[in-house]
Amino acid sequence: MENTTFAQTFARMKQEMARVVVGQDALLEGVLVATLAKGHVLVEGAPGLGKTLVARSFAIVSGCSFKRIQFTPDLMPSDITGSSVYSREQGTFTFVPGPIFAQLLLADEINRAPAKTQSALLEGMQDHQVTGDGTSRALPAPFVVVATQNPVESQGTYPLPEAQLDRFLFKLTVGDPTPEVERTIVRHHADGFDPTDLRALQAVTSPNEIAAMQLFAQGIRIDDAVVAYIVELVRRTRDDKSIELGASPRASIALLKAAQVIAASEGRTFVTPDDVKPMVAAVLRHRVMLHPDAQLQGVTADDRIAEIVRGVPVPRLAA
């Protein structure tokens, strides 16, 4: 694969999804970047902002098999991973795969289920396999989880465990649309747009091509100075007085992978600091825990991350 092919395919996928997802360019790009970096995405926002529509449209555009799980307080882990069912005719137990056996899994409102059920995704997200009845079963490739959640202060929600949060490459936040964007959305519906019927969308790529793009992004060159820049950004979260728990080296790796995809999407074969900076908040905001005093003062994780980015010197690369 050539760098121009990667950039063209990336742009076509984003453009096709934008036909039905209006005014969410950052969210569309975030889902694409995370997928091509072999990561998972957590999307947070109030109901009705298009989080589910993004996942469904991405499944069609990418050509990936798609399953959706609606998380509820009574959802069991086996409802996600599958279970063994006894067959009287054969006299044996047969494993019936759960919805996790899909290339793109939408975990809708993941924080409406208790931690035990949320953690049923953990092995699949990290190791791309599911273990049950003493047998490990590989998940299809590529395997991407797009999880949506309402803000944790909403009624009837459970915060995700820190271990599971760390498995998400990105946490993307969705805000209310601008008046212009909202008028466009309403106009589309007035003209007959049905968000449950996405047959107008076309597959731009295939699972095999997604895998090839993932492999290509891993080969994007990154200078030692940019690696040092990434590490310093993450290390400063551990020294910040407003942050009780900083990000681990997994965050540095996530930032590296995301920057490689950004560089490839722009047709370059090397990473620059400008590829890193736009991804810092998405990679770090769910991996840091603020001190209670900072929270009482109204400080947010994004505030501290922005301050850290401003405080780390940007390296100059040799021409």
C-alpha atoms as a PDB file:
ATOM      1  CA  MET A   1       0.000   0.000   0.000  1.00  0.00           C
ATOM      2  CA  GLU A   2       1.214   3.501  -0.848  1.00  0.00           C
ATOM      3  CA  ASN A   3       0.815   6.529   1.385  1.00  0.00           C
ATOM      4  CA  THR A   4      -1.408   8.228  -1.236  1.00  0.00           C
ATOM      5  CA  THR A   5      -3.714   5.180  -1.290  1.00  0.00           C
ATOM      6  CA  PHE A   6      -4.039   5.284   2.501  1.00  0.00           C
ATOM      7  CA  ALA A   7      -4.856   8.998   2.494  1.00  0.00           C
ATOM      8  CA  GLN A   8      -7.402   8.651  -0.313  1.00  0.00           C
ATOM      9  CA  THR A   9      -9.189   5.724   1.320  1.00  0.00           C
ATOM     10  CA  PHE A  10      -9.262   7.521   4.675  1.00  0.00           C
ATOM     11  CA  ALA A  11     -10.775  10.623   3.078  1.00  0.00           C
ATOM     12  CA  ARG A  12     -13.373   8.609   1.142  1.00  0.00           C
ATOM     13  CA  MET A  13     -14.505   6.761   4.267  1.00  0.00           C
ATOM     14  CA  LYS A  14     -14.896   9.987   6.200  1.00  0.00           C
ATOM     15  CA  GLN A  15     -16.724  11.647   3.322  1.00  0.00           C
ATOM     16  CA  GLU A  16     -19.158   8.753   2.906  1.00  0.00           C
ATOM     17  CA  MET A  17     -19.995   8.692   6.624  1.00  0.00           C
ATOM     18  CA  ALA A  18     -20.507  12.477   6.620  1.00  0.00           C
ATOM     19  CA  ARG A  19     -23.403  11.975   4.192  1.00  0.00           C
ATOM     20  CA  VAL A  20     -25.586  10.855   7.109  1.00  0.00           C
ATOM     21  CA  VAL A  21     -23.653  12.110  10.172  1.00  0.00           C
ATOM     22  CA  VAL A  22     -23.853  15.904  10.095  1.00  0.00           C
ATOM     23  CA  GLY A  23     -21.587  18.230  12.066  1.00  0.00           C
ATOM     24  CA  GLN A  24     -19.541  15.521  13.820  1.00  0.00           C
ATOM     25  CA  ASP A  25     -16.272  15.688  11.874  1.00  0.00           C
ATOM     26  CA  ALA A  26     -14.109  15.235  14.977  1.00  0.00           C
ATOM     27  CA  LEU A  27     -16.089  12.168  16.036  1.00  0.00           C
ATOM     28  CA  LEU A  28     -15.909  10.616  12.563  1.00  0.00           C
ATOM     29  CA  GLU A  29     -12.170  11.172  12.361  1.00  0.00           C
ATOM     30  CA  GLY A  30     -11.638   9.848  15.886  1.00  0.00           C
ATOM     31  CA  VAL A  31     -13.430   6.565  15.142  1.00  0.00           C
ATOM     32  CA  LEU A  32     -11.447   6.125  11.915  1.00  0.00           C
ATOM     33  CA  VAL A  33      -8.094   6.921  13.533  1.00  0.00           C
ATOM     34  CA  ALA A  34      -8.713   4.591  16.473  1.00  0.00           C
ATOM     35  CA  THR A  35      -9.741   1.729  14.192  1.00  0.00           C
ATOM     36  CA  LEU A  36      -6.679   2.086  11.970  1.00  0.00           C
ATOM     37  CA  ALA A  37      -4.501   2.281  15.089  1.00  0.00           C
ATOM     38  CA  LYS A  38      -6.000  -1.050  16.238  1.00  0.00           C
ATOM     39  CA  GLY A  39      -7.770   0.619  19.134  1.00  0.00           C
ATOM     40  CA  HIS A  40     -11.219   0.938  20.655  1.00  0.00           C
ATOM     41  CA  VAL A  41     -13.302   4.061  21.156  1.00  0.00           C
ATOM     42  CA  LEU A  42     -15.403   5.308  24.067  1.00  0.00           C
ATOM     43  CA  VAL A  43     -17.864   8.018  23.030  1.00  0.00           C
ATOM     44  CA  GLU A  44     -19.514  10.096  25.757  1.00  0.00           C
ATOM     45  CA  GLY A  45     -22.466  12.388  25.265  1.00  0.00           C
ATOM     46  CA  ALA A  46     -26.110  12.921  26.061  1.00  0.00           C
ATOM     47  CA  PRO A  47     -28.730  10.803  24.238  1.00  0.00           C
ATOM     48  CA  GLY A  48     -29.758  11.875  20.761  1.00  0.00           C
ATOM     49  CA  LEU A  49     -26.433  13.279  19.514  1.00  0.00           C
ATOM     50  CA  GLY A  50     -25.697  10.657  16.864  1.00  0.00           C
ATOM     51  CA  LYS A  51     -23.291   8.340  18.702  1.00  0.00           C
ATOM     52  CA  THR A  52     -25.032   5.161  17.552  1.00  0.00           C
ATOM     53  CA  LEU A  53     -25.479   6.493  14.014  1.00  0.00           C
ATOM     54  CA  VAL A  54     -21.714   6.978  13.695  1.00  0.00           C
ATOM     55  CA  ALA A  55     -21.019   3.341  14.596  1.00  0.00           C
ATOM     56  CA  ARG A  56     -23.692   1.963  12.270  1.00  0.00           C
ATOM     57  CA  SER A  57     -22.553   4.093   9.349  1.00  0.00           C
ATOM     58  CA  PHE A  58     -18.922   3.156   9.942  1.00  0.00           C
ATOM     59  CA  ALA A  59     -19.806  -0.556   9.819  1.00  0.00           C
ATOM     60  CA  ILE A  60     -21.371  -0.114   6.386  1.00  0.00           C
ATOM     61  CA  VAL A  61     -18.587   2.065   4.977  1.00  0.00           C
ATOM     62  CA  SER A  62     -15.845  -0.268   6.237  1.00  0.00           C
ATOM     63  CA  GLY A  63     -17.586  -3.461   5.109  1.00  0.00           C
ATOM     64  CA  CYS A  64     -17.168  -4.989   8.572  1.00  0.00           C
ATOM     65  CA  SER A  65     -19.632  -7.359  10.222  1.00  0.00           C
ATOM     66  CA  PHE A  66     -21.634  -5.482  12.847  1.00  0.00           C
ATOM     67  CA  LYS A  67     -23.365  -6.343  16.123  1.00  0.00           C
ATOM     68  CA  ARG A  68     -24.989  -4.096  18.707  1.00  0.00           C
ATOM     69  CA  ILE A  69     -25.451  -4.699  22.423  1.00  0.00           C
ATOM     70  CA  GLN A  70     -27.821  -2.518  24.407  1.00  0.00           C
ATOM     71  CA  PHE A  71     -26.364  -2.476  27.912  1.00  0.00           C
ATOM     72  CA  THR A  72     -28.926  -2.659  30.710  1.00  0.00           C
ATOM     73  CA  PRO A  73     -28.679  -3.291  34.477  1.00  0.00           C
ATOM     74  CA  ASP A  74     -29.802  -6.931  34.057  1.00  0.00           C
ATOM     75  CA  LEU A  75     -27.395  -7.799  31.215  1.00  0.00           C
ATOM     76  CA  MET A  76     -25.234 -10.844  32.020  1.00  0.00           C
ATOM     77  CA  PRO A  77     -21.618 -11.447  30.889  1.00  0.00           C
ATOM     78  CA  SER A  78     -22.725 -14.513  28.914  1.00  0.00           C
ATOM     79  CA  ASP A  79     -25.127 -12.281  26.968  1.00  0.00           C
ATOM     80  CA  ILE A  80     -22.006 -10.672  25.511  1.00  0.00           C
ATOM     81  CA  THR A  81     -19.521 -13.509  25.140  1.00  0.00           C
ATOM     82  CA  GLY A  82     -21.877 -16.420  24.437  1.00  0.00           C
ATOM     83  CA  SER A  83     -22.533 -19.670  26.278  1.00  0.00           C
ATOM     84  CA  SER A  84     -22.599 -23.430  25.882  1.00  0.00           C
ATOM     85  CA  VAL A  85     -25.995 -24.986  25.207  1.00  0.00           C
ATOM     86  CA  TYR A  86     -26.751 -28.674  25.716  1.00  0.00           C
ATOM     87  CA  SER A  87     -28.074 -30.511  22.666  1.00  0.00           C
ATOM     88  CA  ARG A  88     -30.243 -33.530  23.508  1.00  0.00           C
ATOM     89  CA  GLU A  89     -29.890 -34.922  19.991  1.00  0.00           C
ATOM     90  CA  GLN A  90     -26.086 -34.881  20.058  1.00  0.00           C
ATOM     91  CA  GLY A  91     -25.709 -35.400  23.782  1.00  0.00           C
ATOM     92  CA  THR A  92     -23.035 -32.682  23.971  1.00  0.00           C
ATOM     93  CA  PHE A  93     -22.681 -29.000  24.762  1.00  0.00           C
ATOM     94  CA  THR A  94     -22.372 -26.639  21.809  1.00  0.00           C
ATOM     95  CA  PHE A  95     -20.951 -23.141  22.121  1.00  0.00           C
ATOM     96  CA  VAL A  96     -23.283 -20.434  20.839  1.00  0.00           C
ATOM     97  CA  PRO A  97     -21.234 -17.293  20.090  1.00  0.00           C
ATOM     98  CA  GLY A  98     -22.401 -14.034  21.588  1.00  0.00           C
ATOM     99  CA  PRO A  99     -22.533 -10.673  19.799  1.00  0.00           C
ATOM    100  CA  ILE A 100     -18.886  -9.979  20.677  1.00  0.00           C
ATOM    101  CA  PHE A 101     -17.959 -12.210  17.718  1.00  0.00           C
ATOM    102  CA  ALA A 102     -18.217  -9.352  15.222  1.00  0.00           C
ATOM    103  CA  GLN A 103     -15.642  -7.139  13.550  1.00  0.00           C
ATOM    104  CA  LEU A 104     -17.356  -3.995  14.798  1.00  0.00           C
ATOM    105  CA  LEU A 105     -19.170  -4.182  18.118  1.00  0.00           C
ATOM    106  CA  LEU A 106     -21.348  -1.308  19.291  1.00  0.00           C
ATOM    107  CA  ALA A 107     -21.611  -1.387  23.077  1.00  0.00           C
ATOM    108  CA  ASP A 108     -24.475   1.053  23.485  1.00  0.00           C
ATOM    109  CA  GLU A 109     -24.775   2.872  26.826  1.00  0.00           C
ATOM    110  CA  ILE A 110     -22.072   0.684  28.317  1.00  0.00           C
ATOM    111  CA  ASN A 111     -22.240   2.455  31.672  1.00  0.00           C
ATOM    112  CA  ARG A 112     -25.826   1.333  32.276  1.00  0.00           C
ATOM    113  CA  ALA A 113     -24.601  -2.154  33.194  1.00  0.00           C
ATOM    114  CA  PRO A 114     -22.754  -3.051  36.423  1.00  0.00           C
ATOM    115  CA  ALA A 115     -18.979  -3.510  36.456  1.00  0.00           C
ATOM    116  CA  LYS A 116     -19.078  -7.322  36.211  1.00  0.00           C
ATOM    117  CA  THR A 117     -20.879  -7.163  32.889  1.00  0.00           C
ATOM    118  CA  GLN A 118     -18.786  -4.257  31.619  1.00  0.00           C
ATOM    119  CA  SER A 119     -15.648  -6.269  32.320  1.00  0.00           C
ATOM    120  CA  ALA A 120     -16.881  -9.111  30.104  1.00  0.00           C
ATOM    121  CA  LEU A 121     -15.519  -7.058  27.234  1.00  0.00           C
ATOM    122  CA  LEU A 122     -12.101  -6.654  28.820  1.00  0.00           C
ATOM    123  CA  GLU A 123     -10.418  -9.840  27.570  1.00  0.00           C
ATOM    124  CA  GLY A 124     -11.798  -9.368  24.078  1.00  0.00           C
ATOM    125  CA  MET A 125     -10.649  -5.757  23.897  1.00  0.00           C
ATOM    126  CA  GLN A 126      -7.146  -6.541  25.110  1.00  0.00           C
ATOM    127  CA  ASP A 127      -6.383 -10.016  23.751  1.00  0.00           C
ATOM    128  CA  HIS A 128      -8.908 -10.303  20.890  1.00  0.00           C
ATOM    129  CA  GLN A 129     -10.172 -13.582  22.302  1.00  0.00           C
ATOM    130  CA  VAL A 130     -12.886 -14.860  24.624  1.00  0.00           C
ATOM    131  CA  THR A 131     -12.366 -17.648  27.148  1.00  0.00           C
ATOM    132  CA  GLY A 132     -15.244 -19.804  28.342  1.00  0.00           C
ATOM    133  CA  ASP A 133     -15.529 -23.364  29.628  1.00  0.00           C
ATOM    134  CA  GLY A 134     -11.738 -23.587  29.592  1.00  0.00           C
ATOM    135  CA  THR A 135     -11.511 -22.808  25.864  1.00  0.00           C
ATOM    136  CA  SER A 136     -10.151 -19.640  24.278  1.00  0.00           C
ATOM    137  CA  ARG A 137     -11.843 -18.554  21.077  1.00  0.00           C
ATOM    138  CA  ALA A 138     -10.322 -15.951  18.778  1.00  0.00           C
ATOM    139  CA  LEU A 139     -12.385 -12.956  17.748  1.00  0.00           C
ATOM    140  CA  PRO A 140     -12.597 -11.920  14.091  1.00  0.00           C
ATOM    141  CA  ALA A 141     -10.112  -9.457  12.635  1.00  0.00           C
ATOM    142  CA  PRO A 142     -10.254  -6.545  12.585  1.00  0.00           C
ATOM    143  CA  PHE A 143     -12.020  -6.263  15.947  1.00  0.00           C
ATOM    144  CA  VAL A 144     -13.151  -2.842  17.128  1.00  0.00           C
ATOM    145  CA  VAL A 145     -15.368  -1.862  20.050  1.00  0.00           C
ATOM    146  CA  VAL A 146     -17.199   1.433  19.801  1.00  0.00           C
ATOM    147  CA  ALA A 147     -18.767   2.001  23.211  1.00  0.00           C
ATOM    148  CA  THR A 148     -21.159   4.825  23.991  1.00  0.00           C
ATOM    149  CA  GLN A 149     -21.977   6.168  27.407  1.00  0.00           C
ATOM    150  CA  ASN A 150     -24.069   8.902  28.922  1.00  0.00           C
ATOM    151  CA  PRO A 151     -22.300  11.321  31.277  1.00  0.00           C
ATOM    152  CA  VAL A 152     -21.550   9.522  34.543  1.00  0.00           C
ATOM    153  CA  GLU A 153     -23.649  11.965  36.513  1.00  0.00           C
ATOM    154  CA  SER A 154     -26.761  10.761  34.673  1.00  0.00           C
ATOM    155  CA  GLN A 155     -29.266   8.742  36.696  1.00  0.00           C
ATOM    156  CA  GLY A 156     -28.846   4.956  36.605  1.00  0.00           C
ATOM    157  CA  THR A 157     -25.270   4.829  35.339  1.00  0.00           C
ATOM    158  CA  TYR A 158     -22.152   3.078  36.669  1.00  0.00           C
ATOM    159  CA  PRO A 159     -18.645   4.523  36.133  1.00  0.00           C
ATOM    160  CA  LEU A 160     -16.400   2.222  34.102  1.00  0.00           C
ATOM    161  CA  PRO A 161     -13.539   0.551  36.015  1.00  0.00           C
ATOM    162  CA  GLU A 162     -10.132   2.196  35.490  1.00  0.00           C
ATOM    163  CA  ALA A 163      -8.714  -1.029  34.011  1.00  0.00           C
ATOM    164  CA  GLN A 164     -11.346  -1.055  31.320  1.00  0.00           C
ATOM    165  CA  LEU A 165     -11.080   2.663  30.610  1.00  0.00           C
ATOM    166  CA  ASP A 166      -7.383   2.182  29.928  1.00  0.00           C
ATOM    167  CA  ARG A 167      -8.226  -0.330  27.166  1.00  0.00           C
ATOM    168  CA  PHE A 168      -9.914   2.375  25.108  1.00  0.00           C
ATOM    169  CA  LEU A 169      -7.489   4.116  22.790  1.00  0.00           C
ATOM    170  CA  PHE A 170      -9.692   7.234  22.711  1.00  0.00           C
ATOM    171  CA  LYS A 171     -12.404   8.814  24.752  1.00  0.00           C
ATOM    172  CA  LEU A 172     -14.324  11.191  22.492  1.00  0.00           C
ATOM    173  CA  THR A 173     -16.861  13.675  23.804  1.00  0.00           C
ATOM    174  CA  VAL A 174     -19.919  14.804  21.846  1.00  0.00           C
ATOM    175  CA  GLY A 175     -21.469  18.177  22.530  1.00  0.00           C
ATOM    176  CA  ASP A 176     -24.661  19.815  21.353  1.00  0.00           C
ATOM    177  CA  PRO A 177     -24.684  20.844  17.684  1.00  0.00           C
ATOM    178  CA  THR A 178     -24.535  24.449  16.571  1.00  0.00           C
ATOM    179  CA  PRO A 179     -27.836  26.049  15.481  1.00  0.00           C
ATOM    180  CA  GLU A 180     -26.775  25.760  11.825  1.00  0.00           C
ATOM    181  CA  VAL A 181     -25.956  22.060  12.145  1.00  0.00           C
ATOM    182  CA  GLU A 182     -29.173  21.342  14.041  1.00  0.00           C
ATOM    183  CA  ARG A 183     -31.207  23.081  11.345  1.00  0.00           C
ATOM    184  CA  THR A 184     -29.506  20.881   8.724  1.00  0.00           C
ATOM    185  CA  ILE A 185     -30.282  17.726  10.733  1.00  0.00           C
ATOM    186  CA  VAL A 186     -33.940  18.659  11.128  1.00  0.00           C
ATOM    187  CA  ARG A 187     -34.148  19.554   7.431  1.00  0.00           C
ATOM    188  CA  HIS A 188     -32.814  16.119   6.483  1.00  0.00           C
ATOM    189  CA  HIS A 189     -35.499  14.451   8.578  1.00  0.00           C
ATOM    190  CA  ALA A 190     -38.153  16.716   7.085  1.00  0.00           C
ATOM    191  CA  ASP A 191     -36.982  15.549   3.658  1.00  0.00           C
ATOM    192  CA  GLY A 192     -37.476  11.901   4.645  1.00  0.00           C
ATOM    193  CA  PHE A 193     -34.126  10.818   6.131  1.00  0.00           C
ATOM    194  CA  ASP A 194     -34.502   7.657   8.222  1.00  0.00           C
ATOM    195  CA  PRO A 195     -31.527   6.957  10.551  1.00  0.00           C
ATOM    196  CA  THR A 196     -32.505   3.283  10.746  1.00  0.00           C
ATOM    197  CA  ASP A 197     -32.257   2.898   6.960  1.00  0.00           C
ATOM    198  CA  LEU A 198     -28.691   3.454   5.767  1.00  0.00           C
ATOM    199  CA  ARG A 199     -28.952   1.625   2.452  1.00  0.00           C
ATOM    200  CA  ALA A 200     -27.856   4.798   0.672  1.00  0.00           C
ATOM    201  CA  LEU A 201     -24.360   4.365   2.141  1.00  0.00           C
ATOM    202  CA  GLN A 202     -21.821   2.333   0.214  1.00  0.00           C
ATOM    203  CA  ALA A 203     -18.872   0.243   1.356  1.00  0.00           C
ATOM    204  CA  VAL A 204     -15.709   2.185   0.595  1.00  0.00           C
ATOM    205  CA  THR A 205     -13.304  -0.492   1.763  1.00  0.00           C
ATOM    206  CA  SER A 206     -13.233  -4.051   3.163  1.00  0.00           C
ATOM    207  CA  PRO A 207     -12.030  -5.770   6.333  1.00  0.00           C
ATOM    208  CA  ASN A 208      -8.939  -7.005   4.479  1.00  0.00           C
ATOM    209  CA  GLU A 209      -8.115  -3.480   3.357  1.00  0.00           C
ATOM    210  CA  ILE A 210      -8.692  -2.171   6.884  1.00  0.00           C
ATOM    211  CA  ALA A 211      -6.134  -4.734   8.095  1.00  0.00           C
ATOM    212  CA  ALA A 212      -3.701  -3.621   5.372  1.00  0.00           C
ATOM    213  CA  MET A 213      -4.136   0.023   6.405  1.00  0.00           C
ATOM    214  CA  GLN A 214      -3.502  -0.902  10.047  1.00  0.00           C
ATOM    215  CA  LEU A 215      -0.266  -2.617   9.034  1.00  0.00           C
ATOM    216  CA  PHE A 216       0.779   0.319   6.849  1.00  0.00           C
ATOM    217  CA  ALA A 217       0.234   2.837   9.671  1.00  0.00           C
ATOM    218  CA  GLN A 218       2.517   0.830  11.958  1.00  0.00           C
ATOM    219  CA  GLY A 219       5.354   1.428   9.501  1.00  0.00           C
ATOM    220  CA  ILE A 220       5.123   5.227   9.513  1.00  0.00           C
ATOM    221  CA  ARG A 221       8.497   6.616  10.583  1.00  0.00           C
ATOM    222  CA  ILE A 222       8.750   8.555  13.826  1.00  0.00           C
ATOM    223  CA  ASP A 223      11.826  10.519  14.884  1.00  0.00           C
ATOM    224  CA  ASP A 224      13.362  10.001  18.328  1.00  0.00           C
ATOM    225  CA  ALA A 225      12.637  13.647  19.131  1.00  0.00           C
ATOM    226  CA  VAL A 226       8.898  13.072  18.551  1.00  0.00           C
ATOM    227  CA  VAL A 227       9.009   9.908  20.679  1.00  0.00           C
ATOM    228  CA  ALA A 228      10.605  11.943  23.473  1.00  0.00           C
ATOM    229  CA  TYR A 229       7.890  14.597  23.022  1.00  0.00           C
ATOM    230  CA  ILE A 230       5.140  11.968  23.395  1.00  0.00           C
ATOM    231  CA  VAL A 231       6.746  10.476  26.503  1.00  0.00           C
ATOM    232  CA  GLU A 232       7.176  13.888  28.124  1.00  0.00           C
ATOM    233  CA  LEU A 233       3.523  14.781  27.540  1.00  0.00           C
ATOM    234  CA  VAL A 234       2.401  11.588  29.271  1.00  0.00           C
ATOM    235  CA  ARG A 235       4.957  11.768  32.093  1.00  0.00           C
ATOM    236  CA  ARG A 236       3.819  15.259  33.051  1.00  0.00           C
ATOM    237  CA  THR A 237       0.378  13.882  33.919  1.00  0.00           C
ATOM    238  CA  ARG A 238       2.110  11.970  36.723  1.00  0.00           C
ATOM    239  CA  ASP A 239       3.757  15.118  38.124  1.00  0.00           C
ATOM    240  CA  ASP A 240       0.807  17.501  37.828  1.00  0.00           C
ATOM    241  CA  LYS A 241      -0.396  18.636  41.265  1.00  0.00           C
ATOM    242  CA  SER A 242      -4.035  18.615  40.156  1.00  0.00           C
ATOM    243  CA  ILE A 243      -3.851  14.997  38.953  1.00  0.00           C
ATOM    244  CA  GLU A 244      -4.010  12.211  41.523  1.00  0.00           C
ATOM    245  CA  LEU A 245      -3.380   9.366  39.075  1.00  0.00           C
ATOM    246  CA  GLY A 246      -1.455   9.985  35.862  1.00  0.00           C
ATOM    247  CA  ALA A 247      -1.399   8.035  32.632  1.00  0.00           C
ATOM    248  CA  SER A 248       0.619   4.835  32.165  1.00  0.00           C
ATOM    249  CA  PRO A 249       3.045   3.963  29.330  1.00  0.00           C
ATOM    250  CA  ARG A 250       0.037   2.460  27.521  1.00  0.00           C
ATOM    251  CA  ALA A 251      -1.051   6.069  26.914  1.00  0.00           C
ATOM    252  CA  SER A 252       2.320   6.857  25.311  1.00  0.00           C
ATOM    253  CA  ILE A 253       1.911   3.879  22.977  1.00  0.00           C
ATOM    254  CA  ALA A 254      -1.661   4.942  22.134  1.00  0.00           C
ATOM    255  CA  LEU A 255      -0.493   8.462  21.317  1.00  0.00           C
ATOM    256  CA  LEU A 256       2.256   7.074  19.091  1.00  0.00           C
ATOM    257  CA  LYS A 257      -0.157   4.846  17.155  1.00  0.00           C
ATOM    258  CA  ALA A 258      -2.711   7.614  16.720  1.00  0.00           C
ATOM    259  CA  ALA A 259      -0.071  10.044  15.441  1.00  0.00           C
ATOM    260  CA  GLN A 260       1.117   7.482  12.903  1.00  0.00           C
ATOM    261  CA  VAL A 261      -2.414   7.164  11.510  1.00  0.00           C
ATOM    262  CA  ILE A 262      -2.821  10.953  11.338  1.00  0.00           C
ATOM    263  CA  ALA A 263       0.450  11.232   9.396  1.00  0.00           C
ATOM    264  CA  ALA A 264      -0.604   8.471   6.998  1.00  0.00           C
ATOM    265  CA  SER A 265      -4.032  10.074   6.501  1.00  0.00           C
ATOM    266  CA  GLU A 266      -2.279  13.215   5.300  1.00  0.00           C
ATOM    267  CA  GLY A 267      -0.133  11.310   2.829  1.00  0.00           C
ATOM    268  CA  ARG A 268       3.126  11.513   4.786  1.00  0.00           C
ATOM    269  CA  THR A 269       5.578   8.776   5.704  1.00  0.00           C
ATOM    270  CA  PHE A 270       6.781  10.407   8.922  1.00  0.00           C
ATOM    271  CA  VAL A 271       5.207  11.788  12.112  1.00  0.00           C
ATOM    272  CA  THR A 272       5.465  15.430  13.163  1.00  0.00           C
ATOM    273  CA  PRO A 273       4.556  17.022  16.529  1.00  0.00           C
ATOM    274  CA  ASP A 274       1.490  18.519  14.827  1.00  0.00           C
ATOM    275  CA  ASP A 275       0.215  14.954  14.338  1.00  0.00           C
ATOM    276  CA  VAL A 276       0.539  14.335  18.065  1.00  0.00           C
ATOM    277  CA  LYS A 277      -1.051  17.440  19.584  1.00  0.00           C
ATOM    278  CA  PRO A 278      -4.633  17.001  18.250  1.00  0.00           C
ATOM    279  CA  MET A 279      -4.767  13.477  19.715  1.00  0.00           C
ATOM    280  CA  VAL A 280      -3.509  14.228  23.241  1.00  0.00           C
ATOM    281  CA  ALA A 281      -6.859  15.018  24.870  1.00  0.00           C
ATOM    282  CA  ALA A 282      -8.632  12.001  23.328  1.00  0.00           C
ATOM    283  CA  VAL A 283      -5.862   9.671  24.513  1.00  0.00           C
ATOM    284  CA  LEU A 284      -5.419  11.074  28.021  1.00  0.00           C
ATOM    285  CA  ARG A 285      -8.754  12.437  29.289  1.00  0.00           C
ATOM    286  CA  HIS A 286     -10.014   9.033  30.493  1.00  0.00           C
ATOM    287  CA  ARG A 287      -6.634   7.892  31.793  1.00  0.00           C
ATOM    288  CA  VAL A 288      -6.077  10.590  34.416  1.00  0.00           C
ATOM    289  CA  MET A 289      -7.820  10.983  37.746  1.00  0.00           C
ATOM    290  CA  LEU A 290      -8.074  14.460  39.229  1.00  0.00           C
ATOM    291  CA  HIS A 291      -7.494  15.284  42.892  1.00  0.00           C
ATOM    292  CA  PRO A 292     -10.775  15.876  44.741  1.00  0.00           C
ATOM    293  CA  ASP A 293      -9.661  19.447  45.541  1.00  0.00           C
ATOM    294  CA  ALA A 294      -9.181  20.177  41.843  1.00  0.00           C
ATOM    295  CA  GLN A 295     -12.628  18.775  41.048  1.00  0.00           C
ATOM    296  CA  LEU A 296     -14.198  20.991  43.722  1.00  0.00           C
ATOM    297  CA  GLN A 297     -12.568  23.984  42.074  1.00  0.00           C
ATOM    298  CA  GLY A 298     -14.181  23.081  38.762  1.00  0.00           C
ATOM    299  CA  VAL A 299     -10.987  21.897  37.085  1.00  0.00           C
ATOM    300  CA  THR A 300     -11.496  19.299  34.349  1.00  0.00           C
ATOM    301  CA  ALA A 301      -9.149  16.711  32.879  1.00  0.00           C
ATOM    302  CA  ASP A 302      -9.212  18.569  29.564  1.00  0.00           C
ATOM    303  CA  ASP A 303      -8.121  21.777  31.341  1.00  0.00           C
ATOM    304  CA  ARG A 304      -5.056  20.116  32.833  1.00  0.00           C
ATOM    305  CA  ILE A 305      -4.192  18.286  29.598  1.00  0.00           C
ATOM    306  CA  ALA A 306      -4.346  21.536  27.635  1.00  0.00           C
ATOM    307  CA  GLU A 307      -2.042  23.170  30.181  1.00  0.00           C
ATOM    308  CA  ILE A 308       0.404  20.290  29.911  1.00  0.00           C
ATOM    309  CA  VAL A 309       0.446  20.515  26.108  1.00  0.00           C
ATOM    310  CA  ARG A 310       1.198  24.236  26.341  1.00  0.00           C
ATOM    311  CA  GLY A 311       4.019  23.607  28.781  1.00  0.00           C
ATOM    312  CA  VAL A 312       5.952  20.913  26.858  1.00  0.00           C
ATOM    313  CA  PRO A 313       8.457  22.324  24.338  1.00  0.00           C
ATOM    314  CA  VAL A 314       7.723  21.244  20.766  1.00  0.00           C
ATOM    315  CA  PRO A 315      10.773  19.608  19.132  1.00  0.00           C
ATOM    316  CA  ARG A 316      12.175  20.883  15.878  1.00  0.00           C
ATOM    317  CA  LEU A 317      12.759  18.165  13.293  1.00  0.00           C
ATOM    318  CA  ALA A 318      15.720  18.177  10.950  1.00  0.00           C
ATOM    319  CA  ALA A 319      14.803  18.959   7.372  1.00  0.00           C
END
